[in-house]
Structure formats: C-alpha cells, structure tokens
Amino acid sequence: MSVALVTGSAGLIGSETVDSCVARGYDVVGIDNDMRRQFFGDDASTAWQRADLSRRHGAAYCHEDLDIRDAARVAQVVGRYGSRLRLVVHAAAQPSHDWAAREPFTDFGVNAVGTLNLLEACRQHCPDAVFIFTSTNKVYGDTPNALPLVEQETRWEIDPSHPFASGIDESMSIDTTKHSLFGVSKAAADLMVQEYGRYFGMKTTALRAGCLTGPAHSGTELHGFLAYLMKCAATGQPYRIFGYEGKQVRDNLHSDDLVRAFSEIYRDPRCGEVYNIGGGRVSDCSMLEAIDLCERIADRRLIWSYEPTARSGDHIWWVSDTRKFQSHYPGWTLDRSVEDILRQLYAEGMERWES
C-alpha cells in the first residue's frame, strides 16, 4: 500500500488533504502536535479535528504527535515508510506575523528548520516522493504596497492599466522589502524547497498562497481571516480591524480547491517549481465587504472596532495571478465566490462555535 505523509494534519489544509488521500486509497501518516493551541489559545486548538480524523478513517490514518523541529524523530518516521511514501504535503507552520515577532526562534525553528528537517529526511529515505509545500504570499514582503493603488468607497484597488490588474504573478521580487519575521522564515523554507528540487532533482513544489479558508479552520484573531470573521459575526464576539480603514483586499482560496491543486501536482510533478495560488479575481474582497456579507448571512450586526495602526508588513492589496499554475495544470479551475465560502463557513461552523 502506498503512503502519503501530511504535516499539520489536523489543521485546515492538512485535514482536507488527509480526507482526499484516504479517498484515493492511500494510507496516511499525519504529523501534528496541536502547536496551534500554543500559538493562539484554546479556541484555536485542532484537537477536535485530530479526533475526527481517527474516527472517520480508522486504520487508514496513523497519527504522529511530534514536533517537526525534532530532526531525529522526523527522520525516524519518514524512514519507517521509506520508498512506500509517494506523497508528502507539508502544511505545518507558525502562521502569524505578530506571534513571530514575539518568539523569533520558535517561528524560524518551525517554519524554516522544520521544513529542512522534512526535506532532508525525504532525500535520504524517499527521494522519489512528490513534495508539496504550502508557502505564502508573505515571501514578497510589503512590495505589493508599492503598487499604484486607488482608494474606492469600500476597498483599495489597483490601477486597471497595471500588468498586475488581474493579480500578482511570480515575477514580483522578494528582495528589498519588509517581510515580517514570519515572512522571512517562510521565504527561507520556500527557497529550500525549490533548491531541493533544482539541486537534488526532487519533485518539489512551493505554493505561495494568500488567505486560505474552509469549514475545518480553527480561526483566531491572529490567523484565519474569513473563518474568524464569520465566527465573530455569528456568535456576537467583537472583531478588530487593523489599519487601512478596513479597505485592505485579499483573495480567498477554499481548502478544497487547494487540495485539488495538490492532486494536479501529484499527477504531473515538476522539480523545484513555485506558483502563486489563491482565489484570484473569483473570490477577492475587502474587510468592509466581507463584514457586510457576514452580517447578511448571519442576520445580525457585527460588533467591530478599528485600530488605525496596521500590522507591520501587512498587505494593502493582494490578489493572486494563478495563470502560471493553470497553464501547467489546465484541469484546475475555480468557481467559489466569497459569499459561497462564507455561507458554507456559517452553515458548518455554528454547531462547533455554539458548543
């Protein structure tokens, strides 16, 4: 039996990946130590999802409660399966700007060193496995903020004559910009993933995602934009906007759509490839626009306040140009709007939020 390994397996992307792999007939090894709870508190714990994975998949899912910073244990797990490992999806991360600034060693250890540990273990024990890394658009730092942006009533928008009007592509430089420490640790991991592909010939891909979302997201104030916003609107919990008058724009990618991208890569892998991935113009919105949608879906007013100081290194406007990925994988398409995503978050989240 072929095996897939998923790090961050109880998180948003990891859990969806586990489901997909089991459905395709793979045994799955999941690595997750619920460090999200340490980062963001009890409400962010993924323990509920870990228990649900075991319940749903039984013997097809084997959980490893370990820290990816522990190189020896990572190598031990990968070595146990060896050449049976056909797919590795690395979704474990410390995902917050603010948290990284508080504990830089932990952030870099998890994001950069943890990625290196996993890559090297794969090179030693399963070099032919397809290795997919969930990187981030924060590798570009705050360079997007230098784009010619125009303030509109509910959002910032790019000058329609600019080459990035359809979205930002991979030609944007990652140099001479403020990344945040989180952006630096993820950039280091991103480059290492590319290098193991280009230098060692491994089948590695880095996917530079924007906002990822879905009903399995344990969203918190510091990470999980749409899930946390919808939770606040539905439960009456106060929400805070940081900077840019709430007009900052994000594209939003459903976890299921990202996992479908994994499947496309697995069928036709490349070495050392990198792609911007996101909802693009299909599902972009500003904070203010998302709040309006949440209020209409939940049928109640959101209690929110405004902090004029933006988070350091945060983007004013980000929309992904996915045309490179779609040219390599034309079977991958997007059709979920922001409203579609929010309605699913509300419908599937209420029971968990209320409990």
Protein backbone atom coordinates (compact mmCIF):
# COMPACT_ATOMS: atom_id res chain seq x y z
CA MET A 1 0.00 0.00 0.00
CA SER A 2 1.33 3.45 -0.95
CA VAL A 3 1.56 6.01 1.82
CA ALA A 4 1.06 9.79 1.98
CA LEU A 5 2.56 11.89 4.75
CA VAL A 6 0.84 15.11 5.83
CA THR A 7 2.26 17.59 8.33
CA GLY A 8 -0.15 19.86 10.14
CA SER A 9 -2.62 17.04 9.53
CA ALA A 10 -5.26 18.31 11.99
CA GLY A 11 -5.21 21.83 10.56
CA LEU A 12 -7.33 23.33 7.82
CA ILE A 13 -5.30 22.19 4.81
CA GLY A 14 -3.82 19.10 6.44
CA SER A 15 -7.15 17.57 7.41
CA GLU A 16 -8.64 18.18 3.97
CA THR A 17 -5.54 16.57 2.44
CA VAL A 18 -5.89 13.52 4.69
CA ASP A 19 -9.50 13.07 3.59
CA SER A 20 -8.52 13.36 -0.07
CA CYS A 21 -5.64 10.88 0.19
CA VAL A 22 -7.67 8.28 2.07
CA ALA A 23 -10.45 8.62 -0.51
CA ARG A 24 -7.89 7.81 -3.22
CA GLY A 25 -6.87 4.63 -1.41
CA TYR A 26 -3.72 5.74 0.39
CA ASP A 27 -2.71 5.04 3.93
CA VAL A 28 -1.92 8.39 5.55
CA VAL A 29 0.59 9.31 8.22
CA GLY A 30 -0.29 12.60 9.91
CA ILE A 31 2.16 14.72 11.89
CA ASP A 32 0.58 17.29 14.21
CA ASN A 33 1.25 18.23 17.84
CA ASP A 34 -1.51 20.88 18.16
CA MET A 35 1.04 23.67 18.42
CA ARG A 36 -1.64 25.98 17.05
CA ARG A 37 -3.14 25.86 20.55
CA GLN A 38 0.18 27.13 21.97
CA PHE A 39 0.28 29.89 19.37
CA PHE A 40 -3.29 31.16 19.64
CA GLY A 41 -5.02 29.67 22.68
CA ASP A 42 -7.65 27.02 23.37
CA ASP A 43 -10.10 28.28 20.74
CA ALA A 44 -7.50 27.57 18.05
CA SER A 45 -6.82 24.01 19.15
CA THR A 46 -7.03 21.39 16.42
CA ALA A 47 -7.60 18.52 18.87
CA TRP A 48 -11.22 18.21 17.72
CA GLN A 49 -10.11 17.68 14.13
CA ARG A 50 -7.45 15.16 15.12
CA ALA A 51 -10.07 13.07 16.93
CA ASP A 52 -12.41 13.35 13.98
CA LEU A 53 -9.74 12.16 11.54
CA SER A 54 -9.23 8.99 13.55
CA ARG A 55 -12.98 8.46 13.80
CA ARG A 56 -13.52 8.99 10.06
CA HIS A 57 -10.62 6.95 8.75
CA GLY A 58 -9.76 4.32 11.34
CA ALA A 59 -6.69 2.26 10.48
CA ALA A 60 -6.14 4.19 7.23
CA TYR A 61 -4.90 7.15 9.31
CA CYS A 62 -1.88 6.93 11.63
CA HIS A 63 -1.23 9.97 13.81
CA GLU A 64 2.26 11.01 14.94
CA ASP A 65 2.27 13.55 17.78
CA LEU A 66 5.68 15.09 17.17
CA ASP A 67 7.38 18.45 16.66
CA ILE A 68 8.82 18.94 13.17
CA ARG A 69 11.77 20.78 14.74
CA ASP A 70 12.92 17.38 16.05
CA ALA A 71 15.06 16.21 13.11
CA ALA A 72 15.75 12.76 14.55
CA ARG A 73 12.09 11.92 15.10
CA VAL A 74 11.08 13.30 11.70
CA ALA A 75 13.76 11.14 10.05
CA GLN A 76 12.61 8.13 12.08
CA VAL A 77 9.01 8.46 10.88
CA VAL A 78 9.96 9.05 7.25
CA GLY A 79 12.49 6.20 7.38
CA ARG A 80 9.87 3.83 8.75
CA TYR A 81 7.90 4.07 5.49
CA GLY A 82 10.79 4.71 3.10
CA SER A 83 10.01 4.21 -0.58
CA ARG A 84 6.35 3.49 0.22
CA LEU A 85 5.96 7.23 0.75
CA ARG A 86 4.70 8.56 -2.57
CA LEU A 87 3.39 11.98 -1.50
CA VAL A 88 4.47 14.44 1.19
CA VAL A 89 2.30 17.52 1.86
CA HIS A 90 3.98 19.92 4.26
CA ALA A 91 1.30 22.17 5.75
CA ALA A 92 2.61 22.56 9.33
CA ALA A 93 3.60 26.13 10.17
CA GLN A 94 3.68 29.02 12.58
CA PRO A 95 1.41 31.33 10.54
CA SER A 96 1.29 34.70 12.33
CA HIS A 97 3.24 37.97 11.83
CA ASP A 98 2.60 39.07 15.40
CA TRP A 99 3.49 35.77 17.02
CA ALA A 100 6.74 35.51 15.04
CA ALA A 101 7.92 38.86 16.38
CA ARG A 102 7.32 37.66 19.94
CA GLU A 103 9.21 34.38 19.55
CA PRO A 104 11.56 34.56 16.53
CA PHE A 105 13.45 31.36 17.38
CA THR A 106 10.26 29.33 17.62
CA ASP A 107 8.93 30.83 14.39
CA PHE A 108 12.11 30.16 12.43
CA GLY A 109 12.51 26.74 14.00
CA VAL A 110 9.03 25.60 12.99
CA ASN A 111 8.86 27.22 9.55
CA ALA A 112 12.42 27.06 8.25
CA VAL A 113 14.24 24.38 10.24
CA GLY A 114 11.20 22.10 10.34
CA THR A 115 10.95 22.29 6.55
CA LEU A 116 14.64 21.48 6.16
CA ASN A 117 14.26 18.51 8.53
CA LEU A 118 11.46 17.10 6.42
CA LEU A 119 13.18 17.73 3.08
CA GLU A 120 16.39 16.05 4.21
CA ALA A 121 14.53 13.07 5.66
CA CYS A 122 12.76 12.66 2.32
CA ARG A 123 16.01 12.98 0.38
CA GLN A 124 17.51 10.21 2.49
CA HIS A 125 14.56 7.82 2.57
CA CYS A 126 12.06 8.61 -0.24
CA PRO A 127 13.71 10.89 -2.83
CA ASP A 128 11.14 9.98 -5.50
CA ALA A 129 8.17 11.17 -3.43
CA VAL A 130 6.24 14.23 -4.60
CA PHE A 131 6.86 17.01 -2.06
CA ILE A 132 4.34 19.87 -1.86
CA PHE A 133 4.93 22.84 0.44
CA THR A 134 2.27 25.36 1.46
CA SER A 135 4.26 28.58 1.25
CA THR A 136 2.76 32.09 1.49
CA ASN A 137 2.44 35.34 -0.40
CA LYS A 138 4.27 36.95 2.54
CA VAL A 139 7.54 35.88 0.89
CA TYR A 140 7.03 39.04 -1.21
CA GLY A 141 7.08 41.20 1.91
CA ASP A 142 5.30 44.54 1.62
CA THR A 143 6.35 45.09 -2.02
CA PRO A 144 2.67 44.85 -3.09
CA ASN A 145 2.03 48.03 -1.08
CA ALA A 146 4.15 49.98 -3.60
CA LEU A 147 1.73 49.14 -6.42
CA PRO A 148 -0.36 52.03 -7.83
CA LEU A 149 -3.42 51.59 -5.63
CA VAL A 150 -6.59 53.66 -5.81
CA GLU A 151 -8.86 54.17 -2.80
CA GLN A 152 -12.50 53.38 -3.50
CA GLU A 153 -15.57 53.51 -1.28
CA THR A 154 -15.20 50.02 0.20
CA ARG A 155 -11.76 48.86 -0.97
CA TRP A 156 -8.34 49.63 -2.27
CA GLU A 157 -7.96 48.64 -5.91
CA ILE A 158 -5.07 48.55 -8.36
CA ASP A 159 -4.82 50.85 -11.35
CA PRO A 160 -6.63 48.88 -14.08
CA SER A 161 -3.85 49.60 -16.59
CA HIS A 162 -1.20 47.91 -14.44
CA PRO A 163 0.17 44.48 -15.52
CA PHE A 164 -0.96 43.06 -12.17
CA ALA A 165 -4.58 44.17 -12.61
CA SER A 166 -5.61 40.52 -12.96
CA GLY A 167 -3.47 39.56 -9.97
CA ILE A 168 0.15 39.41 -8.82
CA ASP A 169 2.32 36.83 -10.55
CA GLU A 170 5.59 35.13 -9.65
CA SER A 171 7.72 37.84 -11.30
CA MET A 172 7.38 40.09 -8.24
CA SER A 173 10.71 40.37 -6.38
CA ILE A 174 11.11 39.05 -2.84
CA ASP A 175 14.08 41.38 -2.20
CA THR A 176 14.49 44.82 -0.57
CA THR A 177 11.20 44.73 1.29
CA LYS A 178 9.85 44.36 4.83
CA HIS A 179 8.71 40.77 5.16
CA SER A 180 7.94 40.45 8.88
CA LEU A 181 9.89 37.71 10.65
CA PHE A 182 7.16 35.27 9.66
CA GLY A 183 7.67 36.18 6.01
CA VAL A 184 11.41 35.62 6.35
CA SER A 185 11.06 32.17 7.92
CA LYS A 186 8.60 31.11 5.23
CA ALA A 187 10.80 32.56 2.47
CA ALA A 188 13.74 30.53 3.79
CA ALA A 189 11.60 27.40 3.69
CA ASP A 190 10.23 28.27 0.25
CA LEU A 191 13.75 28.69 -1.19
CA MET A 192 14.92 25.45 0.43
CA VAL A 193 12.01 23.57 -1.14
CA GLN A 194 12.90 24.99 -4.55
CA GLU A 195 16.58 24.17 -4.04
CA TYR A 196 15.98 20.54 -3.11
CA GLY A 197 14.14 20.30 -6.42
CA ARG A 198 16.70 22.11 -8.54
CA TYR A 199 19.86 20.85 -6.81
CA PHE A 200 18.88 17.29 -5.93
CA GLY A 201 16.24 16.71 -8.61
CA MET A 202 13.45 16.04 -6.14
CA LYS A 203 9.83 16.59 -7.18
CA THR A 204 9.24 19.68 -5.04
CA THR A 205 6.67 22.45 -5.41
CA ALA A 206 6.11 25.60 -3.34
CA LEU A 207 2.61 27.06 -3.45
CA ARG A 208 2.55 30.73 -2.40
CA ALA A 209 -0.95 31.09 -1.03
CA GLY A 210 -2.85 34.10 0.19
CA CYS A 211 -5.81 33.68 2.55
CA LEU A 212 -6.82 30.03 2.91
CA THR A 213 -10.19 29.16 4.38
CA GLY A 214 -12.77 26.46 4.86
CA PRO A 215 -15.10 24.94 7.46
CA ALA A 216 -12.28 22.99 9.14
CA HIS A 217 -10.42 26.21 10.01
CA SER A 218 -9.91 26.96 13.72
CA GLY A 219 -9.75 30.69 13.00
CA THR A 220 -8.44 33.22 15.55
CA GLU A 221 -7.76 36.94 15.56
CA LEU A 222 -4.12 36.47 14.54
CA HIS A 223 -4.78 33.91 11.81
CA GLY A 224 -7.81 32.79 9.84
CA PHE A 225 -9.45 35.87 8.32
CA LEU A 226 -12.78 34.66 6.94
CA ALA A 227 -13.35 31.83 9.43
CA TYR A 228 -12.71 34.09 12.42
CA LEU A 229 -14.76 36.95 10.95
CA MET A 230 -17.72 34.67 10.29
CA LYS A 231 -17.42 33.21 13.79
CA CYS A 232 -17.50 36.69 15.34
CA ALA A 233 -20.49 37.74 13.26
CA ALA A 234 -22.40 34.56 14.12
CA THR A 235 -21.65 34.48 17.86
CA GLY A 236 -21.53 38.18 18.76
CA GLN A 237 -17.82 38.13 19.56
CA PRO A 238 -16.12 41.52 18.96
CA TYR A 239 -13.85 41.88 15.92
CA ARG A 240 -10.94 44.28 15.36
CA ILE A 241 -9.77 45.77 12.07
CA PHE A 242 -6.11 46.78 11.89
CA GLY A 243 -5.31 49.70 9.59
CA TYR A 244 -6.08 50.78 6.02
CA GLU A 245 -9.64 51.81 7.06
CA GLY A 246 -10.80 48.22 6.59
CA LYS A 247 -10.41 48.57 2.84
CA GLN A 248 -7.49 46.11 2.52
CA VAL A 249 -8.18 43.44 -0.10
CA ARG A 250 -7.48 39.71 -0.01
CA ASP A 251 -8.28 36.87 -2.34
CA ASN A 252 -9.59 33.79 -0.57
CA LEU A 253 -8.98 30.18 -1.52
CA HIS A 254 -11.15 27.35 -0.22
CA SER A 255 -9.18 24.46 1.31
CA ASP A 256 -10.85 22.00 -1.05
CA ASP A 257 -9.62 23.97 -4.06
CA LEU A 258 -6.06 23.96 -2.73
CA VAL A 259 -6.19 20.21 -2.13
CA ARG A 260 -7.41 19.75 -5.70
CA ALA A 261 -4.29 21.65 -6.76
CA PHE A 262 -2.22 19.13 -4.78
CA SER A 263 -3.85 16.32 -6.76
CA GLU A 264 -2.98 18.01 -10.05
CA ILE A 265 0.67 18.38 -8.99
CA TYR A 266 0.84 14.76 -7.83
CA ARG A 267 -0.32 13.51 -11.22
CA ASP A 268 2.29 15.57 -13.09
CA PRO A 269 5.06 16.70 -10.72
CA ARG A 270 7.89 19.09 -11.56
CA CYS A 271 11.22 19.79 -9.88
CA GLY A 272 11.71 22.96 -7.86
CA GLU A 273 8.60 24.73 -9.14
CA VAL A 274 6.87 27.70 -7.49
CA TYR A 275 3.39 29.12 -8.04
CA ASN A 276 1.23 31.90 -6.68
CA ILE A 277 -2.05 30.28 -5.67
CA GLY A 278 -5.26 31.83 -4.41
CA GLY A 279 -8.84 32.70 -5.18
CA GLY A 280 -7.79 35.37 -7.68
CA ARG A 281 -10.48 37.64 -9.04
CA VAL A 282 -13.07 34.90 -8.47
CA SER A 283 -13.08 35.45 -4.70
CA ASP A 284 -11.40 38.68 -3.62
CA CYS A 285 -12.89 41.09 -1.09
CA SER A 286 -12.02 43.87 1.33
CA MET A 287 -12.54 43.68 5.09
CA LEU A 288 -15.54 46.01 4.83
CA GLU A 289 -17.07 43.95 2.02
CA ALA A 290 -16.56 40.72 3.96
CA ILE A 291 -18.17 42.26 7.06
CA ASP A 292 -21.23 43.25 5.04
CA LEU A 293 -21.56 39.70 3.68
CA CYS A 294 -21.15 38.15 7.14
CA GLU A 295 -23.82 40.41 8.62
CA ARG A 296 -26.29 39.50 5.88
CA ILE A 297 -25.60 35.77 6.17
CA ALA A 298 -25.75 35.71 9.99
CA ASP A 299 -28.64 38.21 10.04
CA ARG A 300 -27.04 40.24 12.82
CA ARG A 301 -24.71 43.20 13.18
CA LEU A 302 -21.03 42.55 13.78
CA ILE A 303 -19.51 44.30 16.77
CA TRP A 304 -16.25 45.68 15.47
CA SER A 305 -13.65 48.30 16.32
CA TYR A 306 -10.85 49.94 14.39
CA GLU A 307 -7.15 50.10 15.23
CA PRO A 308 -5.52 52.68 12.95
CA THR A 309 -2.06 51.06 13.11
CA ALA A 310 -1.72 48.34 10.50
CA ARG A 311 0.20 45.18 11.24
CA SER A 312 3.83 45.53 10.23
CA GLY A 313 4.46 44.16 6.73
CA ASP A 314 0.75 43.58 6.09
CA HIS A 315 -0.58 43.88 2.55
CA ILE A 316 -2.99 46.60 1.46
CA TRP A 317 -3.99 44.71 -1.67
CA TRP A 318 -3.30 41.12 -2.64
CA VAL A 319 -4.93 39.19 -5.45
CA SER A 320 -3.12 36.12 -6.83
CA ASP A 321 -2.50 35.64 -10.52
CA THR A 322 -2.90 31.87 -10.93
CA ARG A 323 -2.38 31.77 -14.68
CA LYS A 324 1.04 30.09 -14.47
CA PHE A 325 -0.40 27.27 -12.37
CA GLN A 326 -3.43 26.93 -14.62
CA SER A 327 -1.23 26.83 -17.72
CA HIS A 328 0.70 23.90 -16.24
CA TYR A 329 -2.43 22.27 -14.81
CA PRO A 330 -5.39 23.26 -17.03
CA GLY A 331 -7.70 20.85 -15.21
CA TRP A 332 -7.68 23.11 -12.14
CA THR A 333 -10.48 25.70 -12.08
CA LEU A 334 -12.11 27.98 -9.50
CA ASP A 335 -15.76 28.96 -9.15
CA ARG A 336 -16.43 29.67 -5.44
CA SER A 337 -17.23 33.29 -4.62
CA VAL A 338 -16.53 34.86 -1.23
CA GLU A 339 -20.25 34.67 -0.46
CA ASP A 340 -20.30 30.95 -1.32
CA ILE A 341 -17.40 30.34 1.06
CA LEU A 342 -18.92 32.39 3.89
CA ARG A 343 -22.27 30.65 3.61
CA GLN A 344 -20.54 27.28 3.99
CA LEU A 345 -18.49 28.56 6.95
CA TYR A 346 -21.69 29.70 8.65
CA ALA A 347 -23.69 26.54 7.89
CA GLU A 348 -20.99 24.13 9.05
CA GLY A 349 -19.46 26.22 11.82
CA MET A 350 -22.43 27.15 14.00
CA GLU A 351 -22.66 23.88 15.89
CA ARG A 352 -18.98 23.92 16.79
CA TRP A 353 -18.94 27.64 17.67
CA GLU A 354 -22.01 27.39 19.89
CA SER A 355 -20.53 24.46 21.79
